[in-house]
C-alpha atoms as a PDB file:
ATOM      1  CA  MET A   1     116.142  88.249  21.845  1.00  0.00           C
ATOM      2  CA  THR A   2     115.237  86.765  25.215  1.00  0.00           C
ATOM      3  CA  HIS A   3     118.042  84.535  26.954  1.00  0.00           C
ATOM      4  CA  THR A   4     117.634  80.876  27.043  1.00  0.00           C
ATOM      5  CA  VAL A   5     116.339  78.831  30.171  1.00  0.00           C
ATOM      6  CA  LYS A   6     117.385  75.121  30.347  1.00  0.00           C
ATOM      7  CA  VAL A   7     114.816  72.890  31.938  1.00  0.00           C
ATOM      8  CA  GLY A   8     116.295  69.264  31.867  1.00  0.00           C
ATOM      9  CA  SER A   9     116.538  68.562  28.274  1.00  0.00           C
ATOM     10  CA  VAL A  10     114.070  71.330  27.243  1.00  0.00           C
ATOM     11  CA  THR A  11     115.345  74.778  26.176  1.00  0.00           C
ATOM     12  CA  ILE A  12     112.897  77.750  26.351  1.00  0.00           C
ATOM     13  CA  GLY A  13     113.483  81.036  24.808  1.00  0.00           C
ATOM     14  CA  GLY A  14     116.280  82.509  22.646  1.00  0.00           C
ATOM     15  CA  GLY A  15     114.818  81.193  19.415  1.00  0.00           C
ATOM     16  CA  ALA A  16     114.434  77.637  20.592  1.00  0.00           C
ATOM     17  CA  PRO A  17     111.338  75.596  19.357  1.00  0.00           C
ATOM     18  CA  LEU A  18     108.134  76.146  21.033  1.00  0.00           C
ATOM     19  CA  ALA A  19     107.771  74.337  24.226  1.00  0.00           C
ATOM     20  CA  LEU A  20     104.662  72.794  25.939  1.00  0.00           C
ATOM     21  CA  ILE A  21     104.000  72.786  29.587  1.00  0.00           C
ATOM     22  CA  ALA A  22     100.974  70.489  30.240  1.00  0.00           C
ATOM     23  CA  GLY A  23      99.215  68.291  32.689  1.00  0.00           C
ATOM     24  CA  PRO A  24      96.217  68.246  34.856  1.00  0.00           C
ATOM     25  CA  CYS A  25      95.448  71.115  37.216  1.00  0.00           C
ATOM     26  CA  VAL A  26      95.753  69.031  40.357  1.00  0.00           C
ATOM     27  CA  ILE A  27      97.128  65.679  41.394  1.00  0.00           C
ATOM     28  CA  GLU A  28      93.962  63.500  41.759  1.00  0.00           C
ATOM     29  CA  GLY A  29      95.602  60.338  42.781  1.00  0.00           C
ATOM     30  CA  ARG A  30      99.035  58.679  42.315  1.00  0.00           C
ATOM     31  CA  GLN A  31      98.274  56.072  39.746  1.00  0.00           C
ATOM     32  CA  ALA A  32      95.957  58.315  37.734  1.00  0.00           C
ATOM     33  CA  CYS A  33      98.660  61.090  37.725  1.00  0.00           C
ATOM     34  CA  VAL A  34     101.453  58.822  36.824  1.00  0.00           C
ATOM     35  CA  ASP A  35      99.568  57.084  34.069  1.00  0.00           C
ATOM     36  CA  PHE A  36      98.348  60.248  32.623  1.00  0.00           C
ATOM     37  CA  ALA A  37     101.950  61.611  32.652  1.00  0.00           C
ATOM     38  CA  GLY A  38     102.965  58.564  30.726  1.00  0.00           C
ATOM     39  CA  GLU A  39     100.426  59.364  28.077  1.00  0.00           C
ATOM     40  CA  LEU A  40     101.600  62.905  27.678  1.00  0.00           C
ATOM     41  CA  LYS A  41     105.226  61.626  27.437  1.00  0.00           C
ATOM     42  CA  GLN A  42     104.314  59.249  24.762  1.00  0.00           C
ATOM     43  CA  LEU A  43     102.590  62.146  22.785  1.00  0.00           C
ATOM     44  CA  ALA A  44     105.657  64.204  23.242  1.00  0.00           C
ATOM     45  CA  VAL A  45     107.931  61.418  21.941  1.00  0.00           C
ATOM     46  CA  GLU A  46     105.692  60.721  18.855  1.00  0.00           C
ATOM     47  CA  GLU A  47     105.311  64.417  17.884  1.00  0.00           C
ATOM     48  CA  ASN A  48     108.824  65.454  19.025  1.00  0.00           C
ATOM     49  CA  ILE A  49     107.436  67.979  21.702  1.00  0.00           C
ATOM     50  CA  PRO A  50     109.800  69.943  23.920  1.00  0.00           C
ATOM     51  CA  PHE A  51     107.541  68.826  26.915  1.00  0.00           C
ATOM     52  CA  ILE A  52     107.376  69.795  30.688  1.00  0.00           C
ATOM     53  CA  PHE A  53     104.858  68.116  32.912  1.00  0.00           C
ATOM     54  CA  LYS A  54     102.841  70.151  35.422  1.00  0.00           C
ATOM     55  CA  ALA A  55     100.466  69.365  38.085  1.00  0.00           C
ATOM     56  CA  SER A  56      99.834  70.967  41.506  1.00  0.00           C
ATOM     57  CA  TYR A  57     100.048  69.102  44.910  1.00  0.00           C
ATOM     58  CA  ASP A  58      97.859  71.754  46.482  1.00  0.00           C
ATOM     59  CA  LYS A  59      95.331  74.060  45.072  1.00  0.00           C
ATOM     60  CA  ALA A  60      95.507  76.580  47.912  1.00  0.00           C
ATOM     61  CA  ASN A  61      93.268  79.243  46.242  1.00  0.00           C
ATOM     62  CA  ARG A  62      90.135  77.405  45.392  1.00  0.00           C
ATOM     63  CA  SER A  63      86.859  79.392  45.415  1.00  0.00           C
ATOM     64  CA  SER A  64      85.290  77.287  48.161  1.00  0.00           C
ATOM     65  CA  GLY A  65      86.906  75.963  51.321  1.00  0.00           C
ATOM     66  CA  SER A  66      85.295  72.591  50.730  1.00  0.00           C
ATOM     67  CA  SER A  67      86.845  72.173  47.124  1.00  0.00           C
ATOM     68  CA  PHE A  68      89.309  69.445  46.380  1.00  0.00           C
ATOM     69  CA  ARG A  69      92.966  70.548  47.040  1.00  0.00           C
ATOM     70  CA  GLY A  70      95.143  67.732  46.156  1.00  0.00           C
ATOM     71  CA  PRO A  71      97.258  65.302  48.159  1.00  0.00           C
ATOM     72  CA  GLY A  72      99.323  67.915  49.873  1.00  0.00           C
ATOM     73  CA  LEU A  73     103.091  68.706  49.858  1.00  0.00           C
ATOM     74  CA  ASP A  74     104.803  65.532  50.938  1.00  0.00           C
ATOM     75  CA  GLU A  75     102.643  62.985  49.099  1.00  0.00           C
ATOM     76  CA  GLY A  76     102.340  65.240  46.036  1.00  0.00           C
ATOM     77  CA  LEU A  77     106.035  65.772  45.749  1.00  0.00           C
ATOM     78  CA  ASP A  78     106.696  62.097  46.000  1.00  0.00           C
ATOM     79  CA  ILE A  79     104.212  61.412  43.073  1.00  0.00           C
ATOM     80  CA  LEU A  80     105.970  64.224  40.978  1.00  0.00           C
ATOM     81  CA  ARG A  81     109.381  62.614  41.917  1.00  0.00           C
ATOM     82  CA  GLU A  82     108.183  59.270  40.567  1.00  0.00           C
ATOM     83  CA  ILE A  83     106.986  60.874  37.343  1.00  0.00           C
ATOM     84  CA  LYS A  84     110.347  62.664  36.950  1.00  0.00           C
ATOM     85  CA  ASP A  85     112.311  59.756  37.665  1.00  0.00           C
ATOM     86  CA  SER A  86     110.355  56.974  35.896  1.00  0.00           C
ATOM     87  CA  LEU A  87     109.578  58.999  32.629  1.00  0.00           C
ATOM     88  CA  GLY A  88     112.567  61.255  32.426  1.00  0.00           C
ATOM     89  CA  VAL A  89     110.556  64.477  32.000  1.00  0.00           C
ATOM     90  CA  PRO A  90     111.039  67.837  33.655  1.00  0.00           C
ATOM     91  CA  VAL A  91     108.260  68.752  36.080  1.00  0.00           C
ATOM     92  CA  LEU A  92     106.530  71.989  37.321  1.00  0.00           C
ATOM     93  CA  THR A  93     104.452  72.733  40.473  1.00  0.00           C
ATOM     94  CA  ASP A  94     103.081  75.594  42.350  1.00  0.00           C
ATOM     95  CA  ILE A  95     104.365  76.824  45.724  1.00  0.00           C
ATOM     96  CA  HIS A  96     102.392  78.817  48.153  1.00  0.00           C
ATOM     97  CA  GLY A  97     104.634  79.679  51.026  1.00  0.00           C
ATOM     98  CA  VAL A  98     108.286  80.135  51.851  1.00  0.00           C
ATOM     99  CA  GLU A  99     108.236  76.889  53.811  1.00  0.00           C
ATOM    100  CA  GLU A 100     107.328  75.041  50.603  1.00  0.00           C
ATOM    101  CA  VAL A 101     110.200  76.317  48.494  1.00  0.00           C
ATOM    102  CA  GLU A 102     113.092  74.135  49.634  1.00  0.00           C
ATOM    103  CA  PRO A 103     111.245  70.770  49.447  1.00  0.00           C
ATOM    104  CA  ALA A 104     109.522  71.727  46.226  1.00  0.00           C
ATOM    105  CA  ALA A 105     112.854  72.778  44.669  1.00  0.00           C
ATOM    106  CA  GLU A 106     114.499  69.373  45.457  1.00  0.00           C
ATOM    107  CA  VAL A 107     111.842  67.755  43.283  1.00  0.00           C
ATOM    108  CA  ALA A 108     110.613  70.160  40.694  1.00  0.00           C
ATOM    109  CA  ASP A 109     112.680  71.672  37.851  1.00  0.00           C
ATOM    110  CA  ILE A 110     110.265  74.482  37.785  1.00  0.00           C
ATOM    111  CA  ILE A 111     108.669  76.158  40.858  1.00  0.00           C
ATOM    112  CA  GLN A 112     105.821  78.230  39.884  1.00  0.00           C
ATOM    113  CA  ILE A 113     104.572  81.408  41.633  1.00  0.00           C
ATOM    114  CA  PRO A 114     100.747  81.605  41.459  1.00  0.00           C
ATOM    115  CA  ALA A 115      99.201  84.706  39.991  1.00  0.00           C
ATOM    116  CA  PHE A 116      97.465  85.644  43.160  1.00  0.00           C
ATOM    117  CA  LEU A 117     100.980  85.437  45.009  1.00  0.00           C
ATOM    118  CA  CYS A 118     103.119  87.205  42.536  1.00  0.00           C
ATOM    119  CA  ARG A 119     103.802  90.282  44.734  1.00  0.00           C
ATOM    120  CA  GLN A 120     104.795  88.408  47.726  1.00  0.00           C
ATOM    121  CA  THR A 121     108.181  89.639  48.229  1.00  0.00           C
ATOM    122  CA  ASP A 122     109.482  86.839  50.781  1.00  0.00           C
ATOM    123  CA  LEU A 123     108.108  84.075  48.606  1.00  0.00           C
ATOM    124  CA  LEU A 124     109.764  85.486  45.400  1.00  0.00           C
ATOM    125  CA  ILE A 125     113.064  86.050  47.104  1.00  0.00           C
ATOM    126  CA  ALA A 126     113.009  82.571  48.559  1.00  0.00           C
ATOM    127  CA  ALA A 127     112.146  81.098  45.139  1.00  0.00           C
ATOM    128  CA  GLY A 128     115.016  82.975  43.661  1.00  0.00           C
ATOM    129  CA  LYS A 129     117.461  81.534  46.212  1.00  0.00           C
ATOM    130  CA  SER A 130     116.434  77.940  45.237  1.00  0.00           C
ATOM    131  CA  ARG A 131     118.210  75.990  42.807  1.00  0.00           C
ATOM    132  CA  ALA A 132     115.010  75.590  40.503  1.00  0.00           C
ATOM    133  CA  VAL A 133     113.947  77.640  37.568  1.00  0.00           C
ATOM    134  CA  VAL A 134     111.100  80.205  38.743  1.00  0.00           C
ATOM    135  CA  ASN A 135     107.978  80.693  36.732  1.00  0.00           C
ATOM    136  CA  ILE A 136     106.088  83.741  37.707  1.00  0.00           C
ATOM    137  CA  LYS A 137     102.509  84.145  36.739  1.00  0.00           C
ATOM    138  CA  LYS A 138     101.387  87.717  36.067  1.00  0.00           C
ATOM    139  CA  GLY A 139      98.590  88.576  38.382  1.00  0.00           C
ATOM    140  CA  GLN A 140      95.163  89.079  36.967  1.00  0.00           C
ATOM    141  CA  PHE A 141      95.279  92.440  38.786  1.00  0.00           C
ATOM    142  CA  LEU A 142      98.517  93.652  37.187  1.00  0.00           C
ATOM    143  CA  ALA A 143      99.398  95.511  34.022  1.00  0.00           C
ATOM    144  CA  PRO A 144     102.160  93.954  32.078  1.00  0.00           C
ATOM    145  CA  TRP A 145     104.700  96.601  32.890  1.00  0.00           C
ATOM    146  CA  ASP A 146     104.160  96.052  36.706  1.00  0.00           C
ATOM    147  CA  MET A 147     105.951  92.774  36.373  1.00  0.00           C
ATOM    148  CA  GLY A 148     109.286  94.510  36.261  1.00  0.00           C
ATOM    149  CA  HIS A 149     109.351  94.848  40.065  1.00  0.00           C
ATOM    150  CA  VAL A 150     108.231  91.365  40.490  1.00  0.00           C
ATOM    151  CA  ILE A 151     110.905  90.072  38.403  1.00  0.00           C
ATOM    152  CA  GLU A 152     113.568  92.171  40.143  1.00  0.00           C
ATOM    153  CA  LYS A 153     112.592  90.520  43.267  1.00  0.00           C
ATOM    154  CA  VAL A 154     113.664  87.043  41.983  1.00  0.00           C
ATOM    155  CA  GLU A 155     116.699  88.401  40.315  1.00  0.00           C
ATOM    156  CA  SER A 156     117.897  90.175  43.503  1.00  0.00           C
ATOM    157  CA  ALA A 157     118.467  86.535  45.000  1.00  0.00           C
ATOM    158  CA  GLY A 158     120.880  85.937  42.155  1.00  0.00           C
ATOM    159  CA  ASN A 159     118.572  83.883  40.081  1.00  0.00           C
ATOM    160  CA  LYS A 160     118.495  84.580  36.275  1.00  0.00           C
ATOM    161  CA  ASP A 161     116.521  81.429  35.340  1.00  0.00           C
ATOM    162  CA  ILE A 162     113.036  82.968  35.291  1.00  0.00           C
ATOM    163  CA  LEU A 163     110.020  82.429  33.126  1.00  0.00           C
ATOM    164  CA  VAL A 164     107.121  84.965  32.928  1.00  0.00           C
ATOM    165  CA  THR A 165     103.559  83.718  32.246  1.00  0.00           C
ATOM    166  CA  GLU A 166     100.714  85.714  30.873  1.00  0.00           C
ATOM    167  CA  ARG A 167      97.312  84.237  32.162  1.00  0.00           C
ATOM    168  CA  GLY A 168      94.659  86.898  31.391  1.00  0.00           C
ATOM    169  CA  SER A 169      93.671  90.010  33.281  1.00  0.00           C
ATOM    170  CA  SER A 170      90.504  90.931  35.189  1.00  0.00           C
ATOM    171  CA  PHE A 171      87.934  92.477  33.049  1.00  0.00           C
ATOM    172  CA  GLY A 172      85.030  93.553  35.034  1.00  0.00           C
ATOM    173  CA  TYR A 173      83.382  90.899  37.300  1.00  0.00           C
ATOM    174  CA  ASN A 174      83.779  87.230  36.730  1.00  0.00           C
ATOM    175  CA  ASN A 175      85.733  87.659  33.446  1.00  0.00           C
ATOM    176  CA  LEU A 176      89.346  87.629  32.155  1.00  0.00           C
ATOM    177  CA  VAL A 177      90.683  89.013  28.889  1.00  0.00           C
ATOM    178  CA  ALA A 178      93.877  88.023  27.312  1.00  0.00           C
ATOM    179  CA  ASP A 179      95.768  91.035  25.801  1.00  0.00           C
ATOM    180  CA  MET A 180      98.307  89.824  23.343  1.00  0.00           C
ATOM    181  CA  ARG A 181     100.252  93.126  23.680  1.00  0.00           C
ATOM    182  CA  SER A 182     101.117  91.886  27.064  1.00  0.00           C
ATOM    183  CA  LEU A 183     103.450  89.227  25.645  1.00  0.00           C
ATOM    184  CA  LEU A 184     105.435  91.932  23.751  1.00  0.00           C
ATOM    185  CA  VAL A 185     105.722  94.018  27.035  1.00  0.00           C
ATOM    186  CA  LEU A 186     106.756  91.117  29.076  1.00  0.00           C
ATOM    187  CA  LYS A 187     109.448  90.091  26.405  1.00  0.00           C
ATOM    188  CA  GLU A 188     111.250  93.409  27.055  1.00  0.00           C
ATOM    189  CA  TYR A 189     112.348  92.079  30.517  1.00  0.00           C
ATOM    190  CA  GLY A 190     114.598  89.549  28.642  1.00  0.00           C
ATOM    191  CA  HIS A 191     113.213  86.408  30.095  1.00  0.00           C
ATOM    192  CA  PRO A 192     111.218  83.716  28.162  1.00  0.00           C
ATOM    193  CA  VAL A 193     107.501  84.356  28.107  1.00  0.00           C
ATOM    194  CA  ILE A 194     104.827  81.727  28.342  1.00  0.00           C
ATOM    195  CA  PHE A 195     101.208  82.029  27.448  1.00  0.00           C
ATOM    196  CA  ASP A 196      98.725  80.036  29.838  1.00  0.00           C
ATOM    197  CA  ALA A 197      96.052  79.240  27.435  1.00  0.00           C
ATOM    198  CA  THR A 198      93.645  77.530  29.708  1.00  0.00           C
ATOM    199  CA  HIS A 199      93.603  79.858  32.684  1.00  0.00           C
ATOM    200  CA  SER A 200      93.074  82.715  30.192  1.00  0.00           C
ATOM    201  CA  VAL A 201      89.711  81.447  29.447  1.00  0.00           C
ATOM    202  CA  GLN A 202      88.730  81.055  33.102  1.00  0.00           C
ATOM    203  CA  LEU A 203      85.635  82.831  34.322  1.00  0.00           C
ATOM    204  CA  PRO A 204      86.383  83.322  38.016  1.00  0.00           C
ATOM    205  CA  GLY A 205      83.433  82.565  40.312  1.00  0.00           C
ATOM    206  CA  GLU A 206      81.153  82.075  37.414  1.00  0.00           C
ATOM    207  CA  GLN A 207      79.613  78.939  39.007  1.00  0.00           C
ATOM    208  CA  GLY A 208      79.415  80.259  42.575  1.00  0.00           C
ATOM    209  CA  SER A 209      81.410  77.912  44.611  1.00  0.00           C
ATOM    210  CA  GLN A 210      83.803  77.276  41.712  1.00  0.00           C
ATOM    211  CA  SER A 211      85.244  79.053  38.592  1.00  0.00           C
ATOM    212  CA  GLY A 212      83.722  78.495  35.270  1.00  0.00           C
ATOM    213  CA  GLY A 213      85.444  78.987  31.773  1.00  0.00           C
ATOM    214  CA  ARG A 214      85.276  78.334  28.033  1.00  0.00           C
ATOM    215  CA  ALA A 215      87.796  75.607  27.272  1.00  0.00           C
ATOM    216  CA  GLU A 216      86.901  75.698  23.605  1.00  0.00           C
ATOM    217  CA  TRP A 217      88.444  79.137  23.359  1.00  0.00           C
ATOM    218  CA  ALA A 218      91.761  78.020  24.529  1.00  0.00           C
ATOM    219  CA  PRO A 219      93.256  76.941  21.296  1.00  0.00           C
ATOM    220  CA  TYR A 220      92.293  79.977  19.526  1.00  0.00           C
ATOM    221  CA  LEU A 221      94.024  82.160  22.083  1.00  0.00           C
ATOM    222  CA  ALA A 222      97.057  79.765  22.079  1.00  0.00           C
ATOM    223  CA  ARG A 223      97.316  80.190  18.352  1.00  0.00           C
ATOM    224  CA  ALA A 224      97.426  84.012  18.685  1.00  0.00           C
ATOM    225  CA  ALA A 225      99.988  84.062  21.326  1.00  0.00           C
ATOM    226  CA  VAL A 226     102.273  81.772  19.343  1.00  0.00           C
ATOM    227  CA  ALA A 227     101.903  84.076  16.436  1.00  0.00           C
ATOM    228  CA  VAL A 228     102.855  87.073  18.616  1.00  0.00           C
ATOM    229  CA  GLY A 229     105.930  85.149  19.551  1.00  0.00           C
ATOM    230  CA  CYS A 230     105.624  83.404  22.958  1.00  0.00           C
ATOM    231  CA  ASP A 231     108.332  80.889  23.932  1.00  0.00           C
ATOM    232  CA  ALA A 232     106.133  78.224  25.413  1.00  0.00           C
ATOM    233  CA  VAL A 233     102.492  77.463  25.866  1.00  0.00           C
ATOM    234  CA  PHE A 234     101.042  76.266  29.136  1.00  0.00           C
ATOM    235  CA  MET A 235      98.003  74.178  28.834  1.00  0.00           C
ATOM    236  CA  GLU A 236      96.176  72.269  31.300  1.00  0.00           C
ATOM    237  CA  THR A 237      94.679  68.978  30.054  1.00  0.00           C
ATOM    238  CA  HIS A 238      92.804  65.939  31.473  1.00  0.00           C
ATOM    239  CA  PRO A 239      91.567  62.650  29.928  1.00  0.00           C
ATOM    240  CA  ASN A 240      87.900  63.593  30.901  1.00  0.00           C
ATOM    241  CA  PRO A 241      87.626  67.264  32.026  1.00  0.00           C
ATOM    242  CA  VAL A 242      84.077  66.803  33.003  1.00  0.00           C
ATOM    243  CA  GLU A 243      85.167  64.590  35.805  1.00  0.00           C
ATOM    244  CA  ALA A 244      88.190  66.614  36.835  1.00  0.00           C
ATOM    245  CA  LYS A 245      88.277  67.773  40.363  1.00  0.00           C
ATOM    246  CA  SER A 246      89.543  71.336  39.722  1.00  0.00           C
ATOM    247  CA  ASP A 247      89.287  73.761  36.731  1.00  0.00           C
ATOM    248  CA  SER A 248      87.011  71.126  34.702  1.00  0.00           C
ATOM    249  CA  ALA A 249      85.544  74.041  32.777  1.00  0.00           C
ATOM    250  CA  THR A 250      88.832  75.138  31.284  1.00  0.00           C
ATOM    251  CA  MET A 251      91.058  72.083  30.792  1.00  0.00           C
ATOM    252  CA  LEU A 252      91.616  70.766  27.140  1.00  0.00           C
ATOM    253  CA  PRO A 253      90.616  67.149  26.658  1.00  0.00           C
ATOM    254  CA  PHE A 254      93.673  65.196  26.060  1.00  0.00           C
ATOM    255  CA  GLY A 255      92.280  63.718  22.857  1.00  0.00           C
ATOM    256  CA  GLU A 256      92.484  67.216  21.383  1.00  0.00           C
ATOM    257  CA  LEU A 257      96.001  68.033  22.126  1.00  0.00           C
ATOM    258  CA  ARG A 258      97.816  66.409  19.346  1.00  0.00           C
ATOM    259  CA  GLU A 259      95.784  68.438  16.710  1.00  0.00           C
ATOM    260  CA  VAL A 260      96.079  71.725  18.695  1.00  0.00           C
ATOM    261  CA  TRP A 261      99.913  71.212  19.125  1.00  0.00           C
ATOM    262  CA  ASN A 262     100.397  70.576  15.464  1.00  0.00           C
ATOM    263  CA  GLN A 263      98.598  73.708  14.613  1.00  0.00           C
ATOM    264  CA  LEU A 264     100.803  75.603  17.280  1.00  0.00           C
ATOM    265  CA  ARG A 265     103.927  74.114  15.940  1.00  0.00           C
ATOM    266  CA  ALA A 266     103.100  75.152  12.309  1.00  0.00           C
ATOM    267  CA  ILE A 267     102.408  78.710  13.518  1.00  0.00           C
ATOM    268  CA  ASP A 268     105.765  78.749  15.353  1.00  0.00           C
ATOM    269  CA  ASN A 269     107.642  77.452  12.278  1.00  0.00           C
ATOM    270  CA  VAL A 270     106.315  80.451  10.393  1.00  0.00           C
ATOM    271  CA  VAL A 271     107.047  83.215  12.913  1.00  0.00           C
ATOM    272  CA  SER A 272     110.329  81.948  14.396  1.00  0.00           C
END
């Protein structure tokens, strides 16, 4: 059994109830983000969901240099702090460089290493030295057993509060595949394992200047991952994905989240 990681009032791993990490891909504006976080919190209260809010202050790896990236570090963290303080929910956000670790860790309960950066030694060690929980996304280019060295870099800084996320593997050009066996391999490292349902249905570069995807497949993959035994599901969601400024092709419409969650919880109740 994996050890547990405490994130505010949420416990992940060790047989704890399935947790949900959800929110928009990127902060699109202060009021819109705060309002949407409130809607997610309300759903979590109504459905008794162990919930962590996620949003990125900077999408530094967009396909095109002209794509919307977000409000940036200072304003983005200020918005996340407002959400955390006003709603009383834990928050997760991405970091991209060593210089971002300290300010992000002062606000975020979980700092996330993006998949493309999961082998950056200095970034991993700096994240490990922070006071935050570290969520490492497995690179699309890595086999699950390659993550042992990645995890060891964070652990070498004295941090055992680590989460490991599967988000699909490169499968030819412009395609990803989610191998559910990966979840079992990742569990062997002793840390809670998360399944990223929406990035796993991404089709990188499919639309030329931006990635495509098949959002309608995300609930199916999430159900499979919960049946395998993941500890949490990561799912980007948006009130109207068509109008989203990032990952519009993969985010789950917020209106569908309640039904999807109830399906996932029913499966978790059977397998846990």
